[in-house]
Amino acid sequence: MSFPRDLRVNIPGHGMNKINAAYPLGGANLMIKTITQLTGLPIHHYVEVNFASFQNIVDAVHGVPLYFPKPVKDRKSGLDIPSAGCINLNGKQALSFVRARYIYPTADLGRIQGQQRFIRALLNKVKSLGVLLNPFTLIKLSETAGHGLIFDQGINLGLARSIANSLKFDNKNVEFRQYQGTPRTIGGVSYVVRDPSAARALFAALANNGPLPDVGKTGQSLPSPSDVTLSLINASGRSGLAGTGRTKLVTKGFHVPSISSSIKHITPTVITYQAGDELKAELIAKEFPGATVKLATSSQFTDIVVTLGRSYVAPAASPTAKGTAKPAAI
């Protein structure tokens, strides 16, 4: 959950101000009180990541890859990406990226989405390294990245490591939200004026551990199946897989306008996505455990293309999708 730095809130003991004034006025304790008062949610633990520890984390996982559709430069943050493409950001570059706000038309509000995009990419990188499955690697990474992290008295690096290990950092279960508000100038000062009614349902769901509403969704929130259009290619050498696979996906709400077969056979199932469709690829990957997910190197007819390999196990056709599938010979 991200809060715009200019969000206008009541800071206990200090009146109305921007939310980012809470920390310099009273440190972590006042920031926690401000967030609790705003959301109604108890804050059980606190972790502070400074610039140095942030860079340590990124360098400890050997960089975080991000796709840039065009060159970008922000002189104030130091971000300088001279060419488009997938760039493996080191710690220094990553810090510049998450600090940059003048590369976005909406400045800080745009930066929030950039920061959330980076966090999701970092989680992907940690998962791809198998860190959480290897206790020795996990300990080494925690010790390297943990220098400079500040914890509250109730938590330490060991407990944080235990929590991370129990959660498995499953990116497919990570949701992002942003506190909603409207930019406005009050007394000559630029604020983001909050919308309490819009946030009420979101904080109620968080308090009750319920499903999250769409309120505050950002570009890094996972899409729903109805948002995803994909094509299926049967490259397994076994007939019928694309048809039964399409039936399964249509039943779940995905759009599958095209299925076909390939004379070239592969072993692992491969999911390719267009730049900007990473989250759609993550969603569809839940339907194909063990599939390889990668960026498409050329244009595609649909957002996502799933090429079924020999390792794919076809599901039983769902009767609720009767009449929607192509002939099962494909």
C-alpha atoms as a PDB file:
ATOM      1  CA  MET A   1       0.000   0.000   0.000  1.00  0.00           C
ATOM      2  CA  SER A   2       1.583   3.249  -1.130  1.00  0.00           C
ATOM      3  CA  PHE A   3       0.713   6.686   0.197  1.00  0.00           C
ATOM      4  CA  PRO A   4       1.440   9.785  -1.947  1.00  0.00           C
ATOM      5  CA  ARG A   5       4.059  11.875  -0.187  1.00  0.00           C
ATOM      6  CA  ASP A   6       1.850  14.997  -0.559  1.00  0.00           C
ATOM      7  CA  LEU A   7      -1.232  13.313   0.933  1.00  0.00           C
ATOM      8  CA  ARG A   8      -2.933  15.817   3.243  1.00  0.00           C
ATOM      9  CA  VAL A   9      -3.550  14.196   6.625  1.00  0.00           C
ATOM     10  CA  ASN A  10      -3.861  15.030  10.290  1.00  0.00           C
ATOM     11  CA  ILE A  11      -0.550  14.346  12.009  1.00  0.00           C
ATOM     12  CA  PRO A  12      -1.239  13.731  15.721  1.00  0.00           C
ATOM     13  CA  GLY A  13      -0.143  16.724  17.754  1.00  0.00           C
ATOM     14  CA  HIS A  14       0.779  18.761  14.671  1.00  0.00           C
ATOM     15  CA  GLY A  15      -2.430  19.323  12.715  1.00  0.00           C
ATOM     16  CA  MET A  16      -2.943  19.043   8.963  1.00  0.00           C
ATOM     17  CA  ASN A  17       0.173  18.551   6.874  1.00  0.00           C
ATOM     18  CA  LYS A  18       1.677  16.378   4.156  1.00  0.00           C
ATOM     19  CA  ILE A  19       2.078  12.785   5.278  1.00  0.00           C
ATOM     20  CA  ASN A  20       5.822  12.868   4.608  1.00  0.00           C
ATOM     21  CA  ALA A  21       6.182  15.508   7.352  1.00  0.00           C
ATOM     22  CA  ALA A  22       5.372  12.922  10.043  1.00  0.00           C
ATOM     23  CA  TYR A  23       8.790  11.264  10.018  1.00  0.00           C
ATOM     24  CA  PRO A  24      10.928  14.421  10.405  1.00  0.00           C
ATOM     25  CA  LEU A  25       8.492  15.726  13.052  1.00  0.00           C
ATOM     26  CA  GLY A  26       8.502  12.613  15.211  1.00  0.00           C
ATOM     27  CA  GLY A  27      10.349   9.723  13.618  1.00  0.00           C
ATOM     28  CA  ALA A  28       8.967   6.247  13.077  1.00  0.00           C
ATOM     29  CA  ASN A  29       6.623   6.417  16.080  1.00  0.00           C
ATOM     30  CA  LEU A  30       4.770   9.460  14.771  1.00  0.00           C
ATOM     31  CA  MET A  31       4.639   8.015  11.264  1.00  0.00           C
ATOM     32  CA  ILE A  32       3.062   4.830  12.653  1.00  0.00           C
ATOM     33  CA  LYS A  33       0.512   6.832  14.672  1.00  0.00           C
ATOM     34  CA  THR A  34      -0.355   8.867  11.571  1.00  0.00           C
ATOM     35  CA  ILE A  35      -0.875   5.776   9.385  1.00  0.00           C
ATOM     36  CA  THR A  36      -2.906   4.018  12.091  1.00  0.00           C
ATOM     37  CA  GLN A  37      -5.136   7.062  12.540  1.00  0.00           C
ATOM     38  CA  LEU A  38      -5.604   7.362   8.767  1.00  0.00           C
ATOM     39  CA  THR A  39      -6.356   3.708   8.049  1.00  0.00           C
ATOM     40  CA  GLY A  40      -7.672   2.288  11.296  1.00  0.00           C
ATOM     41  CA  LEU A  41      -5.150  -0.537  10.911  1.00  0.00           C
ATOM     42  CA  PRO A  42      -2.712  -1.527  13.678  1.00  0.00           C
ATOM     43  CA  ILE A  43       0.957  -1.455  12.687  1.00  0.00           C
ATOM     44  CA  HIS A  44       2.675  -4.407  14.358  1.00  0.00           C
ATOM     45  CA  HIS A  45       6.195  -4.032  12.988  1.00  0.00           C
ATOM     46  CA  TYR A  46       8.388  -1.483  11.276  1.00  0.00           C
ATOM     47  CA  VAL A  47      11.384  -1.828   8.975  1.00  0.00           C
ATOM     48  CA  GLU A  48      13.333   1.144   7.642  1.00  0.00           C
ATOM     49  CA  VAL A  49      15.384   0.802   4.462  1.00  0.00           C
ATOM     50  CA  ASN A  50      17.914   3.555   3.851  1.00  0.00           C
ATOM     51  CA  PHE A  51      19.621   4.280   0.543  1.00  0.00           C
ATOM     52  CA  ALA A  52      22.665   2.159   1.331  1.00  0.00           C
ATOM     53  CA  SER A  53      20.685  -0.913   2.416  1.00  0.00           C
ATOM     54  CA  PHE A  54      18.427  -0.590  -0.629  1.00  0.00           C
ATOM     55  CA  GLN A  55      21.459  -0.730  -2.916  1.00  0.00           C
ATOM     56  CA  ASN A  56      22.833  -3.667  -0.906  1.00  0.00           C
ATOM     57  CA  ILE A  57      19.627  -5.621  -1.445  1.00  0.00           C
ATOM     58  CA  VAL A  58      19.696  -5.103  -5.209  1.00  0.00           C
ATOM     59  CA  ASP A  59      23.384  -5.923  -5.534  1.00  0.00           C
ATOM     60  CA  ALA A  60      22.955  -9.005  -3.322  1.00  0.00           C
ATOM     61  CA  VAL A  61      20.590 -10.520  -5.928  1.00  0.00           C
ATOM     62  CA  HIS A  62      22.951  -9.486  -8.763  1.00  0.00           C
ATOM     63  CA  GLY A  63      20.673  -6.783 -10.120  1.00  0.00           C
ATOM     64  CA  VAL A  64      17.004  -6.505 -11.038  1.00  0.00           C
ATOM     65  CA  PRO A  65      15.894  -6.577 -14.700  1.00  0.00           C
ATOM     66  CA  LEU A  66      13.381  -3.974 -15.885  1.00  0.00           C
ATOM     67  CA  TYR A  67      12.109  -3.304 -19.383  1.00  0.00           C
ATOM     68  CA  PHE A  68      12.312   0.288 -20.648  1.00  0.00           C
ATOM     69  CA  PRO A  69      10.277   0.971 -23.815  1.00  0.00           C
ATOM     70  CA  LYS A  70      12.384   4.073 -24.514  1.00  0.00           C
ATOM     71  CA  PRO A  71      15.491   5.854 -23.186  1.00  0.00           C
ATOM     72  CA  VAL A  72      14.885   7.790 -19.960  1.00  0.00           C
ATOM     73  CA  LYS A  73      16.890  10.352 -18.038  1.00  0.00           C
ATOM     74  CA  ASP A  74      16.215  12.148 -14.759  1.00  0.00           C
ATOM     75  CA  ARG A  75      18.993  14.531 -13.831  1.00  0.00           C
ATOM     76  CA  LYS A  76      17.809  15.034 -10.249  1.00  0.00           C
ATOM     77  CA  SER A  77      17.800  11.337  -9.360  1.00  0.00           C
ATOM     78  CA  GLY A  78      20.732  10.438 -11.603  1.00  0.00           C
ATOM     79  CA  LEU A  79      18.745   7.916 -13.645  1.00  0.00           C
ATOM     80  CA  ASP A  80      20.205   7.518 -17.119  1.00  0.00           C
ATOM     81  CA  ILE A  81      18.978   4.711 -19.379  1.00  0.00           C
ATOM     82  CA  PRO A  82      20.448   5.569 -22.812  1.00  0.00           C
ATOM     83  CA  SER A  83      18.566   2.978 -24.864  1.00  0.00           C
ATOM     84  CA  ALA A  84      15.341   0.975 -24.834  1.00  0.00           C
ATOM     85  CA  GLY A  85      15.353  -2.661 -23.800  1.00  0.00           C
ATOM     86  CA  CYS A  86      15.592  -4.918 -20.771  1.00  0.00           C
ATOM     87  CA  ILE A  87      18.180  -3.453 -18.404  1.00  0.00           C
ATOM     88  CA  ASN A  88      19.592  -5.305 -15.396  1.00  0.00           C
ATOM     89  CA  LEU A  89      19.698  -2.484 -12.844  1.00  0.00           C
ATOM     90  CA  ASN A  90      22.475  -2.564 -10.261  1.00  0.00           C
ATOM     91  CA  GLY A  91      22.002  -1.069  -6.813  1.00  0.00           C
ATOM     92  CA  LYS A  92      22.960   2.467  -7.801  1.00  0.00           C
ATOM     93  CA  GLN A  93      20.797   2.442 -10.933  1.00  0.00           C
ATOM     94  CA  ALA A  94      17.863   0.931  -9.058  1.00  0.00           C
ATOM     95  CA  LEU A  95      18.030   3.644  -6.404  1.00  0.00           C
ATOM     96  CA  SER A  96      17.992   6.298  -9.114  1.00  0.00           C
ATOM     97  CA  PHE A  97      14.978   4.630 -10.733  1.00  0.00           C
ATOM     98  CA  VAL A  98      12.817   4.422  -7.592  1.00  0.00           C
ATOM     99  CA  ARG A  99      13.706   8.026  -6.707  1.00  0.00           C
ATOM    100  CA  ALA A 100      12.976   9.421 -10.185  1.00  0.00           C
ATOM    101  CA  ARG A 101       9.712  11.335 -10.559  1.00  0.00           C
ATOM    102  CA  TYR A 102      10.292  13.767 -13.391  1.00  0.00           C
ATOM    103  CA  ILE A 103      10.160  10.956 -15.958  1.00  0.00           C
ATOM    104  CA  TYR A 104       6.415  10.633 -15.267  1.00  0.00           C
ATOM    105  CA  PRO A 105       3.692  13.078 -16.374  1.00  0.00           C
ATOM    106  CA  THR A 106       2.101  12.830 -12.905  1.00  0.00           C
ATOM    107  CA  ALA A 107       5.413  13.183 -11.000  1.00  0.00           C
ATOM    108  CA  ASP A 108       5.143  11.525  -7.567  1.00  0.00           C
ATOM    109  CA  LEU A 109       1.936   9.631  -8.400  1.00  0.00           C
ATOM    110  CA  GLY A 110       3.701   8.154 -11.412  1.00  0.00           C
ATOM    111  CA  ARG A 111       6.753   7.362  -9.310  1.00  0.00           C
ATOM    112  CA  ILE A 112       4.591   5.243  -6.990  1.00  0.00           C
ATOM    113  CA  GLN A 113       3.743   2.952  -9.883  1.00  0.00           C
ATOM    114  CA  GLY A 114       7.408   2.823 -10.870  1.00  0.00           C
ATOM    115  CA  GLN A 115       8.359   1.860  -7.312  1.00  0.00           C
ATOM    116  CA  GLN A 116       5.708  -0.842  -7.181  1.00  0.00           C
ATOM    117  CA  ARG A 117       6.849  -2.133 -10.564  1.00  0.00           C
ATOM    118  CA  PHE A 118      10.381  -2.384  -9.210  1.00  0.00           C
ATOM    119  CA  ILE A 119       9.281  -4.216  -6.043  1.00  0.00           C
ATOM    120  CA  ARG A 120       7.441  -6.793  -8.142  1.00  0.00           C
ATOM    121  CA  ALA A 121      10.499  -7.257 -10.363  1.00  0.00           C
ATOM    122  CA  LEU A 122      12.685  -7.666  -7.255  1.00  0.00           C
ATOM    123  CA  LEU A 123      10.353 -10.347  -5.894  1.00  0.00           C
ATOM    124  CA  ASN A 124      10.545 -12.124  -9.248  1.00  0.00           C
ATOM    125  CA  LYS A 125      14.337 -12.014  -9.119  1.00  0.00           C
ATOM    126  CA  VAL A 126      14.485 -13.388  -5.574  1.00  0.00           C
ATOM    127  CA  LYS A 127      12.140 -16.206  -6.536  1.00  0.00           C
ATOM    128  CA  SER A 128      14.084 -17.005  -9.728  1.00  0.00           C
ATOM    129  CA  LEU A 129      17.295 -17.417  -7.700  1.00  0.00           C
ATOM    130  CA  GLY A 130      15.640 -20.046  -5.519  1.00  0.00           C
ATOM    131  CA  VAL A 131      16.832 -18.122  -2.471  1.00  0.00           C
ATOM    132  CA  LEU A 132      13.933 -19.121  -0.254  1.00  0.00           C
ATOM    133  CA  LEU A 133      14.411 -22.807  -1.043  1.00  0.00           C
ATOM    134  CA  ASN A 134      18.076 -22.777  -0.024  1.00  0.00           C
ATOM    135  CA  PRO A 135      18.580 -21.868   3.658  1.00  0.00           C
ATOM    136  CA  PHE A 136      22.315 -21.254   3.227  1.00  0.00           C
ATOM    137  CA  THR A 137      21.751 -18.852   0.329  1.00  0.00           C
ATOM    138  CA  LEU A 138      18.923 -17.188   2.245  1.00  0.00           C
ATOM    139  CA  ILE A 139      21.123 -16.593   5.273  1.00  0.00           C
ATOM    140  CA  LYS A 140      23.945 -15.205   3.133  1.00  0.00           C
ATOM    141  CA  LEU A 141      21.585 -12.885   1.245  1.00  0.00           C
ATOM    142  CA  SER A 142      19.955 -11.711   4.479  1.00  0.00           C
ATOM    143  CA  GLU A 143      23.319 -10.917   6.054  1.00  0.00           C
ATOM    144  CA  THR A 144      24.547  -9.070   2.963  1.00  0.00           C
ATOM    145  CA  ALA A 145      21.354  -7.114   2.337  1.00  0.00           C
ATOM    146  CA  GLY A 146      20.543  -6.569   5.993  1.00  0.00           C
ATOM    147  CA  HIS A 147      23.336  -4.128   6.762  1.00  0.00           C
ATOM    148  CA  GLY A 148      21.748  -0.745   7.322  1.00  0.00           C
ATOM    149  CA  LEU A 149      18.200  -2.036   7.828  1.00  0.00           C
ATOM    150  CA  ILE A 150      16.502  -0.635  10.923  1.00  0.00           C
ATOM    151  CA  PHE A 151      13.954  -2.824  12.740  1.00  0.00           C
ATOM    152  CA  ASP A 152      11.590  -2.095  15.616  1.00  0.00           C
ATOM    153  CA  GLN A 153      12.318  -3.750  18.949  1.00  0.00           C
ATOM    154  CA  GLY A 154       9.923  -6.616  18.275  1.00  0.00           C
ATOM    155  CA  ILE A 155      11.597  -7.803  15.086  1.00  0.00           C
ATOM    156  CA  ASN A 156      15.113  -8.619  13.962  1.00  0.00           C
ATOM    157  CA  LEU A 157      16.803  -9.950  10.848  1.00  0.00           C
ATOM    158  CA  GLY A 158      16.217 -13.556  11.890  1.00  0.00           C
ATOM    159  CA  LEU A 159      12.486 -13.070  12.383  1.00  0.00           C
ATOM    160  CA  ALA A 160      12.217 -11.108   9.136  1.00  0.00           C
ATOM    161  CA  ARG A 161      13.993 -13.947   7.352  1.00  0.00           C
ATOM    162  CA  SER A 162      11.607 -16.471   8.923  1.00  0.00           C
ATOM    163  CA  ILE A 163       8.561 -14.457   7.817  1.00  0.00           C
ATOM    164  CA  ALA A 164       9.901 -14.170   4.272  1.00  0.00           C
ATOM    165  CA  ASN A 165      10.594 -17.893   4.173  1.00  0.00           C
ATOM    166  CA  SER A 166       7.097 -18.789   5.384  1.00  0.00           C
ATOM    167  CA  LEU A 167       5.477 -16.496   2.815  1.00  0.00           C
ATOM    168  CA  LYS A 168       7.625 -17.968   0.002  1.00  0.00           C
ATOM    169  CA  PHE A 169       7.567 -14.550  -1.708  1.00  0.00           C
ATOM    170  CA  ASP A 170       4.906 -15.846  -4.102  1.00  0.00           C
ATOM    171  CA  ASN A 171       4.630 -12.883  -6.451  1.00  0.00           C
ATOM    172  CA  LYS A 172       1.347 -14.152  -7.829  1.00  0.00           C
ATOM    173  CA  ASN A 173      -0.224 -13.507  -4.429  1.00  0.00           C
ATOM    174  CA  VAL A 174       1.230 -10.031  -4.000  1.00  0.00           C
ATOM    175  CA  GLU A 175      -1.225  -7.191  -4.554  1.00  0.00           C
ATOM    176  CA  PHE A 176      -0.447  -3.482  -4.793  1.00  0.00           C
ATOM    177  CA  ARG A 177      -2.678  -0.560  -3.907  1.00  0.00           C
ATOM    178  CA  GLN A 178      -2.309   3.226  -3.724  1.00  0.00           C
ATOM    179  CA  TYR A 179      -4.189   5.595  -1.451  1.00  0.00           C
ATOM    180  CA  GLN A 180      -6.576   7.527  -3.652  1.00  0.00           C
ATOM    181  CA  GLY A 181      -6.653  11.315  -3.720  1.00  0.00           C
ATOM    182  CA  THR A 182      -6.921  14.381  -5.914  1.00  0.00           C
ATOM    183  CA  PRO A 183      -4.080  16.896  -6.450  1.00  0.00           C
ATOM    184  CA  ARG A 184      -5.103  20.314  -5.144  1.00  0.00           C
ATOM    185  CA  THR A 185      -3.465  23.558  -4.051  1.00  0.00           C
ATOM    186  CA  ILE A 186      -4.466  24.818  -0.596  1.00  0.00           C
ATOM    187  CA  GLY A 187      -2.986  28.031   0.750  1.00  0.00           C
ATOM    188  CA  GLY A 188      -0.384  28.028  -1.995  1.00  0.00           C
ATOM    189  CA  VAL A 189       0.780  24.490  -1.097  1.00  0.00           C
ATOM    190  CA  SER A 190       0.354  21.467  -3.375  1.00  0.00           C
ATOM    191  CA  TYR A 191      -1.400  18.538  -1.715  1.00  0.00           C
ATOM    192  CA  VAL A 192      -3.080  15.287  -2.616  1.00  0.00           C
ATOM    193  CA  VAL A 193      -6.496  15.550  -0.955  1.00  0.00           C
ATOM    194  CA  ARG A 194      -7.669  12.164   0.239  1.00  0.00           C
ATOM    195  CA  ASP A 195     -10.964  10.439  -0.485  1.00  0.00           C
ATOM    196  CA  PRO A 196     -11.895   8.667   2.779  1.00  0.00           C
ATOM    197  CA  SER A 197     -15.044   7.038   1.364  1.00  0.00           C
ATOM    198  CA  ALA A 198     -13.105   5.352  -1.433  1.00  0.00           C
ATOM    199  CA  ALA A 199     -10.502   3.959   0.969  1.00  0.00           C
ATOM    200  CA  ARG A 200     -12.966   2.720   3.588  1.00  0.00           C
ATOM    201  CA  ALA A 201     -13.801  -0.528   1.780  1.00  0.00           C
ATOM    202  CA  LEU A 202     -10.128  -1.254   1.142  1.00  0.00           C
ATOM    203  CA  PHE A 203      -9.072  -0.806   4.760  1.00  0.00           C
ATOM    204  CA  ALA A 204     -12.061  -2.838   5.966  1.00  0.00           C
ATOM    205  CA  ALA A 205     -10.969  -5.716   3.712  1.00  0.00           C
ATOM    206  CA  LEU A 206      -7.414  -5.489   5.036  1.00  0.00           C
ATOM    207  CA  ALA A 207      -8.614  -5.411   8.627  1.00  0.00           C
ATOM    208  CA  ASN A 208     -10.769  -8.504   8.117  1.00  0.00           C
ATOM    209  CA  ASN A 209      -8.282 -10.359   5.889  1.00  0.00           C
ATOM    210  CA  GLY A 210     -10.870 -10.411   3.115  1.00  0.00           C
ATOM    211  CA  PRO A 211     -10.595 -10.166  -0.681  1.00  0.00           C
ATOM    212  CA  LEU A 212      -9.400  -6.748  -1.774  1.00  0.00           C
ATOM    213  CA  PRO A 213     -11.758  -4.490  -3.749  1.00  0.00           C
ATOM    214  CA  ASP A 214     -10.584  -2.685  -6.861  1.00  0.00           C
ATOM    215  CA  VAL A 215     -10.216   0.599  -4.959  1.00  0.00           C
ATOM    216  CA  GLY A 216      -6.708   1.985  -5.334  1.00  0.00           C
ATOM    217  CA  LYS A 217      -5.576  -0.484  -7.961  1.00  0.00           C
ATOM    218  CA  THR A 218      -2.422   0.576  -9.768  1.00  0.00           C
ATOM    219  CA  GLY A 219      -0.617  -0.571 -12.883  1.00  0.00           C
ATOM    220  CA  GLN A 220       1.078  -3.196 -10.710  1.00  0.00           C
ATOM    221  CA  SER A 221      -2.153  -4.749  -9.435  1.00  0.00           C
ATOM    222  CA  LEU A 222      -2.766  -8.196 -10.866  1.00  0.00           C
ATOM    223  CA  PRO A 223      -5.328  -8.137 -13.713  1.00  0.00           C
ATOM    224  CA  SER A 224      -8.415 -10.331 -13.788  1.00  0.00           C
ATOM    225  CA  PRO A 225      -8.818 -13.154 -16.366  1.00  0.00           C
ATOM    226  CA  SER A 226     -11.251 -11.042 -18.390  1.00  0.00           C
ATOM    227  CA  ASP A 227      -8.411  -8.551 -18.975  1.00  0.00           C
ATOM    228  CA  VAL A 228      -6.252 -11.183 -20.697  1.00  0.00           C
ATOM    229  CA  THR A 229      -6.404 -12.231 -24.356  1.00  0.00           C
ATOM    230  CA  LEU A 230      -4.157 -15.107 -25.356  1.00  0.00           C
ATOM    231  CA  SER A 231      -3.426 -17.597 -28.099  1.00  0.00           C
ATOM    232  CA  LEU A 232      -2.659 -21.279 -27.597  1.00  0.00           C
ATOM    233  CA  ILE A 233      -0.201 -23.211 -29.761  1.00  0.00           C
ATOM    234  CA  ASN A 234       0.063 -26.979 -29.406  1.00  0.00           C
ATOM    235  CA  ALA A 235       3.717 -27.914 -29.816  1.00  0.00           C
ATOM    236  CA  SER A 236       3.579 -31.063 -27.727  1.00  0.00           C
ATOM    237  CA  GLY A 237       3.151 -33.584 -30.522  1.00  0.00           C
ATOM    238  CA  ARG A 238      -0.060 -34.808 -28.872  1.00  0.00           C
ATOM    239  CA  SER A 239      -3.366 -33.880 -30.511  1.00  0.00           C
ATOM    240  CA  GLY A 240      -6.185 -32.192 -28.643  1.00  0.00           C
ATOM    241  CA  LEU A 241      -4.200 -30.229 -26.047  1.00  0.00           C
ATOM    242  CA  ALA A 242      -4.979 -26.770 -27.386  1.00  0.00           C
ATOM    243  CA  GLY A 243      -8.694 -27.503 -27.506  1.00  0.00           C
ATOM    244  CA  THR A 244      -8.961 -28.797 -23.946  1.00  0.00           C
ATOM    245  CA  GLY A 245      -6.602 -26.078 -22.718  1.00  0.00           C
ATOM    246  CA  ARG A 246      -8.799 -23.428 -24.318  1.00  0.00           C
ATOM    247  CA  THR A 247     -11.893 -24.901 -22.671  1.00  0.00           C
ATOM    248  CA  LYS A 248     -10.254 -24.667 -19.267  1.00  0.00           C
ATOM    249  CA  LEU A 249      -9.149 -21.066 -19.791  1.00  0.00           C
ATOM    250  CA  VAL A 250     -12.460 -19.843 -21.202  1.00  0.00           C
ATOM    251  CA  THR A 251     -14.245 -21.371 -18.218  1.00  0.00           C
ATOM    252  CA  LYS A 252     -12.053 -19.241 -15.945  1.00  0.00           C
ATOM    253  CA  GLY A 253     -12.826 -16.051 -17.877  1.00  0.00           C
ATOM    254  CA  PHE A 254      -9.809 -15.686 -20.178  1.00  0.00           C
ATOM    255  CA  HIS A 255     -10.277 -14.682 -23.817  1.00  0.00           C
ATOM    256  CA  VAL A 256      -8.798 -17.277 -26.199  1.00  0.00           C
ATOM    257  CA  PRO A 257      -9.664 -16.278 -29.781  1.00  0.00           C
ATOM    258  CA  SER A 258      -7.011 -18.423 -31.445  1.00  0.00           C
ATOM    259  CA  ILE A 259      -5.625 -21.944 -31.110  1.00  0.00           C
ATOM    260  CA  SER A 260      -3.302 -23.736 -33.499  1.00  0.00           C
ATOM    261  CA  SER A 261      -0.711 -26.493 -33.719  1.00  0.00           C
ATOM    262  CA  SER A 262       2.976 -26.473 -34.579  1.00  0.00           C
ATOM    263  CA  ILE A 263       5.045 -29.073 -36.427  1.00  0.00           C
ATOM    264  CA  LYS A 264       8.002 -28.011 -34.284  1.00  0.00           C
ATOM    265  CA  HIS A 265       7.782 -29.713 -30.882  1.00  0.00           C
ATOM    266  CA  ILE A 266       9.162 -28.423 -27.574  1.00  0.00           C
ATOM    267  CA  THR A 267       9.390 -29.915 -24.094  1.00  0.00           C
ATOM    268  CA  PRO A 268       8.604 -27.117 -21.622  1.00  0.00           C
ATOM    269  CA  THR A 269       5.529 -24.958 -22.045  1.00  0.00           C
ATOM    270  CA  VAL A 270       6.515 -21.393 -22.959  1.00  0.00           C
ATOM    271  CA  ILE A 271       4.549 -18.217 -22.221  1.00  0.00           C
ATOM    272  CA  THR A 272       5.565 -15.117 -24.186  1.00  0.00           C
ATOM    273  CA  TYR A 273       4.243 -11.642 -23.518  1.00  0.00           C
ATOM    274  CA  GLN A 274       4.486  -8.197 -25.052  1.00  0.00           C
ATOM    275  CA  ALA A 275       6.337  -5.430 -23.208  1.00  0.00           C
ATOM    276  CA  GLY A 276       3.977  -3.997 -20.602  1.00  0.00           C
ATOM    277  CA  ASP A 277       2.016  -7.241 -20.212  1.00  0.00           C
ATOM    278  CA  GLU A 278       4.211  -8.770 -17.512  1.00  0.00           C
ATOM    279  CA  LEU A 279       1.375  -8.973 -14.982  1.00  0.00           C
ATOM    280  CA  LYS A 280      -0.922 -10.672 -17.479  1.00  0.00           C
ATOM    281  CA  ALA A 281       1.822 -13.215 -18.059  1.00  0.00           C
ATOM    282  CA  GLU A 282       2.127 -13.772 -14.299  1.00  0.00           C
ATOM    283  CA  LEU A 283      -1.608 -14.377 -14.053  1.00  0.00           C
ATOM    284  CA  ILE A 284      -1.697 -16.902 -16.904  1.00  0.00           C
ATOM    285  CA  ALA A 285       1.431 -18.605 -15.552  1.00  0.00           C
ATOM    286  CA  LYS A 286      -0.649 -19.739 -12.567  1.00  0.00           C
ATOM    287  CA  GLU A 287      -2.571 -21.939 -15.019  1.00  0.00           C
ATOM    288  CA  PHE A 288       0.607 -23.553 -16.384  1.00  0.00           C
ATOM    289  CA  PRO A 289       2.873 -24.553 -13.459  1.00  0.00           C
ATOM    290  CA  GLY A 290       6.500 -24.928 -14.491  1.00  0.00           C
ATOM    291  CA  ALA A 291       6.115 -22.948 -17.704  1.00  0.00           C
ATOM    292  CA  THR A 292       8.917 -20.690 -18.926  1.00  0.00           C
ATOM    293  CA  VAL A 293       7.833 -17.032 -19.047  1.00  0.00           C
ATOM    294  CA  LYS A 294       9.693 -14.610 -21.301  1.00  0.00           C
ATOM    295  CA  LEU A 295       9.388 -11.375 -23.230  1.00  0.00           C
ATOM    296  CA  ALA A 296       8.380 -11.762 -26.876  1.00  0.00           C
ATOM    297  CA  THR A 297      11.087 -10.865 -29.379  1.00  0.00           C
ATOM    298  CA  SER A 298       8.572  -9.922 -32.106  1.00  0.00           C
ATOM    299  CA  SER A 299       4.981  -8.721 -32.346  1.00  0.00           C
ATOM    300  CA  GLN A 300       2.177 -11.085 -31.316  1.00  0.00           C
ATOM    301  CA  PHE A 301      -1.461 -11.361 -32.380  1.00  0.00           C
ATOM    302  CA  THR A 302      -2.589 -11.391 -28.745  1.00  0.00           C
ATOM    303  CA  ASP A 303      -1.261 -10.077 -25.412  1.00  0.00           C
ATOM    304  CA  ILE A 304      -0.014 -13.513 -24.450  1.00  0.00           C
ATOM    305  CA  VAL A 305       0.986 -16.582 -26.471  1.00  0.00           C
ATOM    306  CA  VAL A 306       1.134 -19.939 -24.695  1.00  0.00           C
ATOM    307  CA  THR A 307       3.030 -22.666 -26.542  1.00  0.00           C
ATOM    308  CA  LEU A 308       2.190 -26.039 -25.029  1.00  0.00           C
ATOM    309  CA  GLY A 309       5.139 -28.407 -24.738  1.00  0.00           C
ATOM    310  CA  ARG A 310       5.490 -32.122 -24.093  1.00  0.00           C
ATOM    311  CA  SER A 311       5.502 -31.506 -20.340  1.00  0.00           C
ATOM    312  CA  TYR A 312       1.987 -30.029 -20.388  1.00  0.00           C
ATOM    313  CA  VAL A 313      -0.736 -32.167 -18.814  1.00  0.00           C
ATOM    314  CA  ALA A 314      -4.154 -31.470 -20.321  1.00  0.00           C
ATOM    315  CA  PRO A 315      -7.028 -30.801 -17.901  1.00  0.00           C
ATOM    316  CA  ALA A 316     -10.382 -32.497 -18.137  1.00  0.00           C
ATOM    317  CA  ALA A 317     -12.771 -30.459 -20.295  1.00  0.00           C
ATOM    318  CA  SER A 318     -15.265 -28.428 -18.260  1.00  0.00           C
ATOM    319  CA  PRO A 319     -18.925 -28.960 -19.114  1.00  0.00           C
ATOM    320  CA  THR A 320     -19.659 -25.298 -18.288  1.00  0.00           C
ATOM    321  CA  ALA A 321     -17.711 -24.219 -21.336  1.00  0.00           C
ATOM    322  CA  LYS A 322     -19.568 -26.532 -23.729  1.00  0.00           C
ATOM    323  CA  GLY A 323     -19.634 -25.187 -27.251  1.00  0.00           C
ATOM    324  CA  THR A 324     -16.851 -22.672 -26.684  1.00  0.00           C
ATOM    325  CA  ALA A 325     -13.868 -24.816 -27.607  1.00  0.00           C
ATOM    326  CA  LYS A 326     -12.380 -25.517 -30.990  1.00  0.00           C
ATOM    327  CA  PRO A 327     -12.285 -29.111 -32.239  1.00  0.00           C
ATOM    328  CA  ALA A 328     -10.178 -31.163 -29.836  1.00  0.00           C
ATOM    329  CA  ALA A 329      -7.838 -32.351 -32.595  1.00  0.00           C
ATOM    330  CA  ILE A 330      -5.768 -29.152 -32.374  1.00  0.00           C
END
